[in-house]
Amino acid sequence: MAYDSGAASLLRLAMCDRAVPAQAFDFKETSGEIVLRSDADQCLTVGEESRSAGPFVSRPLSLAPYAEAAGALKTWVVLP
């Protein structure tokens, strides 16, 4: 997965290759943020707008510059 570190980048699902640094993320338990392991200035964010997805709702995911991402859109809860 390639991304432009200066702008938000959309994510897509694909076969994972653990040898590719851009496919590894770290979860910061204290802040609830998910950052790109190869560039911790990029974080996983969710879009503000949602759309219907059958009985569920869907929101776009993207990588965005950490400093520019809104707190509520870059905070995650990971359940065991």
N, C-alpha and C. Protein backbone atom coordinates (compact mmCIF):
# COMPACT_ATOMS: atom_id res chain seq x y z
N MET A 1 0.84 -1.16 0.00
CA MET A 1 0.00 0.00 0.00
C MET A 1 0.89 1.23 0.00
N ALA A 2 0.66 2.12 -0.91
CA ALA A 2 1.42 3.35 -0.97
C ALA A 2 0.54 4.49 -0.48
N TYR A 3 1.15 5.52 0.06
CA TYR A 3 0.37 6.67 0.50
C TYR A 3 1.19 7.93 0.34
N ASP A 4 0.50 9.04 0.27
CA ASP A 4 1.12 10.35 0.21
C ASP A 4 1.11 10.89 1.63
N SER A 5 2.26 11.05 2.24
CA SER A 5 2.31 11.43 3.64
C SER A 5 1.80 12.84 3.89
N GLY A 6 1.54 13.62 2.84
CA GLY A 6 1.04 14.97 3.01
C GLY A 6 -0.46 15.09 2.92
N ALA A 7 -1.14 14.00 2.61
CA ALA A 7 -2.60 14.06 2.45
C ALA A 7 -3.22 12.77 2.95
N ALA A 8 -4.53 12.82 3.17
CA ALA A 8 -5.24 11.60 3.59
C ALA A 8 -5.17 10.57 2.47
N SER A 9 -5.05 9.31 2.84
CA SER A 9 -4.99 8.22 1.88
C SER A 9 -6.05 7.20 2.22
N LEU A 10 -6.86 6.81 1.23
CA LEU A 10 -7.87 5.80 1.46
C LEU A 10 -7.21 4.44 1.62
N LEU A 11 -7.83 3.57 2.37
CA LEU A 11 -7.33 2.22 2.59
C LEU A 11 -8.15 1.25 1.77
N ARG A 12 -7.55 0.13 1.45
CA ARG A 12 -8.30 -0.95 0.80
C ARG A 12 -7.80 -2.26 1.37
N LEU A 13 -8.65 -3.26 1.34
CA LEU A 13 -8.26 -4.59 1.83
C LEU A 13 -7.55 -5.34 0.72
N ALA A 14 -6.48 -5.99 1.06
CA ALA A 14 -5.71 -6.77 0.10
C ALA A 14 -4.97 -7.84 0.90
N MET A 15 -4.36 -8.77 0.19
CA MET A 15 -3.55 -9.78 0.87
C MET A 15 -2.41 -9.06 1.60
N CYS A 16 -2.18 -9.44 2.83
CA CYS A 16 -1.17 -8.82 3.65
C CYS A 16 0.19 -9.46 3.42
N ASP A 17 1.22 -8.63 3.36
CA ASP A 17 2.59 -9.10 3.26
C ASP A 17 3.33 -8.50 4.45
N ARG A 18 3.59 -9.31 5.46
CA ARG A 18 4.21 -8.82 6.69
C ARG A 18 5.59 -8.21 6.47
N ALA A 19 6.20 -8.48 5.32
CA ALA A 19 7.51 -7.93 5.03
C ALA A 19 7.43 -6.48 4.54
N VAL A 20 6.23 -6.00 4.26
CA VAL A 20 6.04 -4.63 3.76
C VAL A 20 5.74 -3.71 4.95
N PRO A 21 6.65 -2.79 5.28
CA PRO A 21 6.45 -1.92 6.44
C PRO A 21 5.16 -1.10 6.40
N ALA A 22 4.69 -0.73 5.22
CA ALA A 22 3.48 0.09 5.09
C ALA A 22 2.21 -0.71 5.37
N GLN A 23 2.35 -2.00 5.70
CA GLN A 23 1.19 -2.83 6.04
C GLN A 23 1.16 -3.20 7.52
N ALA A 24 1.93 -2.49 8.32
CA ALA A 24 1.98 -2.77 9.76
C ALA A 24 1.52 -1.54 10.54
N PHE A 25 0.68 -1.77 11.55
CA PHE A 25 0.16 -0.70 12.37
C PHE A 25 0.43 -0.99 13.83
N ASP A 26 0.47 0.05 14.64
CA ASP A 26 0.61 -0.09 16.09
C ASP A 26 -0.58 0.58 16.76
N PHE A 27 -1.13 -0.10 17.78
CA PHE A 27 -2.24 0.45 18.56
C PHE A 27 -1.68 1.03 19.84
N LYS A 28 -1.94 2.31 20.07
CA LYS A 28 -1.51 2.97 21.30
C LYS A 28 -2.63 2.85 22.32
N GLU A 29 -2.49 1.93 23.26
CA GLU A 29 -3.56 1.67 24.22
C GLU A 29 -3.92 2.89 25.06
N THR A 30 -2.95 3.70 25.43
CA THR A 30 -3.24 4.85 26.30
C THR A 30 -4.07 5.92 25.60
N SER A 31 -3.87 6.11 24.30
CA SER A 31 -4.61 7.15 23.58
C SER A 31 -5.71 6.60 22.69
N GLY A 32 -5.68 5.28 22.40
CA GLY A 32 -6.67 4.68 21.52
C GLY A 32 -6.42 4.96 20.05
N GLU A 33 -5.22 5.34 19.70
CA GLU A 33 -4.89 5.67 18.31
C GLU A 33 -4.16 4.52 17.63
N ILE A 34 -4.37 4.41 16.33
CA ILE A 34 -3.71 3.40 15.51
C ILE A 34 -2.83 4.15 14.52
N VAL A 35 -1.52 3.90 14.59
CA VAL A 35 -0.58 4.62 13.73
C VAL A 35 0.16 3.64 12.83
N LEU A 36 0.60 4.16 11.71
CA LEU A 36 1.37 3.37 10.75
C LEU A 36 2.76 3.13 11.35
N ARG A 37 3.17 1.87 11.43
CA ARG A 37 4.45 1.55 12.06
C ARG A 37 5.63 2.21 11.34
N SER A 38 5.59 2.28 10.02
CA SER A 38 6.71 2.86 9.27
C SER A 38 6.69 4.39 9.26
N ASP A 39 5.60 5.01 9.72
CA ASP A 39 5.50 6.47 9.77
C ASP A 39 4.45 6.84 10.81
N ALA A 40 4.88 6.98 12.06
CA ALA A 40 3.95 7.24 13.16
C ALA A 40 3.26 8.59 13.06
N ASP A 41 3.64 9.40 12.06
CA ASP A 41 2.94 10.67 11.84
C ASP A 41 1.65 10.45 11.06
N GLN A 42 1.39 9.21 10.61
CA GLN A 42 0.17 8.86 9.90
C GLN A 42 -0.70 8.00 10.81
N CYS A 43 -1.98 8.36 10.94
CA CYS A 43 -2.86 7.58 11.81
C CYS A 43 -4.11 7.15 11.06
N LEU A 44 -4.72 6.09 11.55
CA LEU A 44 -5.95 5.56 10.97
C LEU A 44 -7.11 6.43 11.45
N THR A 45 -7.89 6.94 10.49
CA THR A 45 -9.04 7.78 10.83
C THR A 45 -10.30 7.25 10.16
N VAL A 46 -11.42 7.63 10.71
CA VAL A 46 -12.72 7.27 10.15
C VAL A 46 -13.37 8.56 9.64
N GLY A 47 -14.10 8.45 8.54
CA GLY A 47 -14.76 9.62 7.98
C GLY A 47 -15.93 10.10 8.83
N GLU A 48 -16.28 11.36 8.69
CA GLU A 48 -17.40 11.93 9.44
C GLU A 48 -18.75 11.47 8.91
N GLU A 49 -18.84 11.23 7.62
CA GLU A 49 -20.10 10.85 6.98
C GLU A 49 -20.26 9.33 6.97
N SER A 50 -21.48 8.87 7.24
CA SER A 50 -21.75 7.44 7.17
C SER A 50 -22.80 7.18 6.09
N ARG A 51 -22.85 5.93 5.64
CA ARG A 51 -23.85 5.55 4.64
C ARG A 51 -24.41 4.20 5.03
N SER A 52 -25.57 3.89 4.51
CA SER A 52 -26.22 2.63 4.81
C SER A 52 -25.45 1.48 4.17
N ALA A 53 -25.31 0.40 4.92
CA ALA A 53 -24.64 -0.81 4.43
C ALA A 53 -25.46 -2.00 4.91
N GLY A 54 -26.64 -2.17 4.31
CA GLY A 54 -27.55 -3.22 4.77
C GLY A 54 -28.08 -2.84 6.14
N PRO A 55 -28.02 -3.76 7.11
CA PRO A 55 -28.52 -3.44 8.45
C PRO A 55 -27.50 -2.62 9.28
N PHE A 56 -26.38 -2.30 8.68
CA PHE A 56 -25.30 -1.59 9.37
C PHE A 56 -25.08 -0.23 8.74
N VAL A 57 -24.08 0.49 9.22
CA VAL A 57 -23.63 1.72 8.58
C VAL A 57 -22.16 1.56 8.23
N SER A 58 -21.73 2.30 7.24
CA SER A 58 -20.35 2.23 6.77
C SER A 58 -19.75 3.64 6.77
N ARG A 59 -18.48 3.72 7.11
CA ARG A 59 -17.74 4.98 7.03
C ARG A 59 -16.42 4.69 6.34
N PRO A 60 -15.91 5.62 5.56
CA PRO A 60 -14.61 5.40 4.93
C PRO A 60 -13.48 5.47 5.96
N LEU A 61 -12.46 4.65 5.76
CA LEU A 61 -11.25 4.68 6.58
C LEU A 61 -10.14 5.29 5.76
N SER A 62 -9.24 6.00 6.41
CA SER A 62 -8.10 6.57 5.69
C SER A 62 -6.92 6.75 6.62
N LEU A 63 -5.75 6.94 6.02
CA LEU A 63 -4.57 7.35 6.76
C LEU A 63 -4.51 8.86 6.61
N ALA A 64 -4.27 9.55 7.71
CA ALA A 64 -4.20 11.01 7.65
C ALA A 64 -3.05 11.50 8.52
N PRO A 65 -2.52 12.67 8.21
CA PRO A 65 -1.48 13.23 9.07
C PRO A 65 -1.98 13.34 10.50
N TYR A 66 -1.24 12.79 11.43
CA TYR A 66 -1.63 12.72 12.83
C TYR A 66 -2.02 14.09 13.39
N ALA A 67 -1.21 15.10 13.12
CA ALA A 67 -1.44 16.43 13.68
C ALA A 67 -2.72 17.08 13.15
N GLU A 68 -3.18 16.66 11.97
CA GLU A 68 -4.35 17.27 11.36
C GLU A 68 -5.65 16.51 11.63
N ALA A 69 -5.57 15.29 12.12
CA ALA A 69 -6.76 14.46 12.32
C ALA A 69 -7.49 14.86 13.60
N ALA A 70 -8.82 14.94 13.50
CA ALA A 70 -9.64 15.28 14.66
C ALA A 70 -9.60 14.14 15.68
N GLY A 71 -9.50 14.47 16.95
CA GLY A 71 -9.36 13.48 18.02
C GLY A 71 -10.41 12.39 17.98
N ALA A 72 -11.67 12.77 17.82
CA ALA A 72 -12.76 11.78 17.84
C ALA A 72 -12.71 10.86 16.63
N LEU A 73 -12.08 11.29 15.54
CA LEU A 73 -12.03 10.48 14.32
C LEU A 73 -10.80 9.58 14.26
N LYS A 74 -9.89 9.73 15.22
CA LYS A 74 -8.69 8.89 15.24
C LYS A 74 -8.56 8.08 16.52
N THR A 75 -9.63 8.02 17.30
CA THR A 75 -9.63 7.27 18.57
C THR A 75 -10.43 5.99 18.39
N TRP A 76 -9.82 4.85 18.75
CA TRP A 76 -10.42 3.54 18.55
C TRP A 76 -10.50 2.77 19.86
N VAL A 77 -11.43 1.86 19.94
CA VAL A 77 -11.55 0.94 21.05
C VAL A 77 -11.36 -0.46 20.47
N VAL A 78 -10.37 -1.17 20.94
CA VAL A 78 -10.08 -2.52 20.45
C VAL A 78 -10.56 -3.49 21.51
N LEU A 79 -11.51 -4.33 21.14
CA LEU A 79 -12.07 -5.30 22.07
C LEU A 79 -11.31 -6.63 21.96
N PRO A 80 -11.12 -7.31 23.09
CA PRO A 80 -10.38 -8.59 23.05
C PRO A 80 -11.18 -9.67 22.33
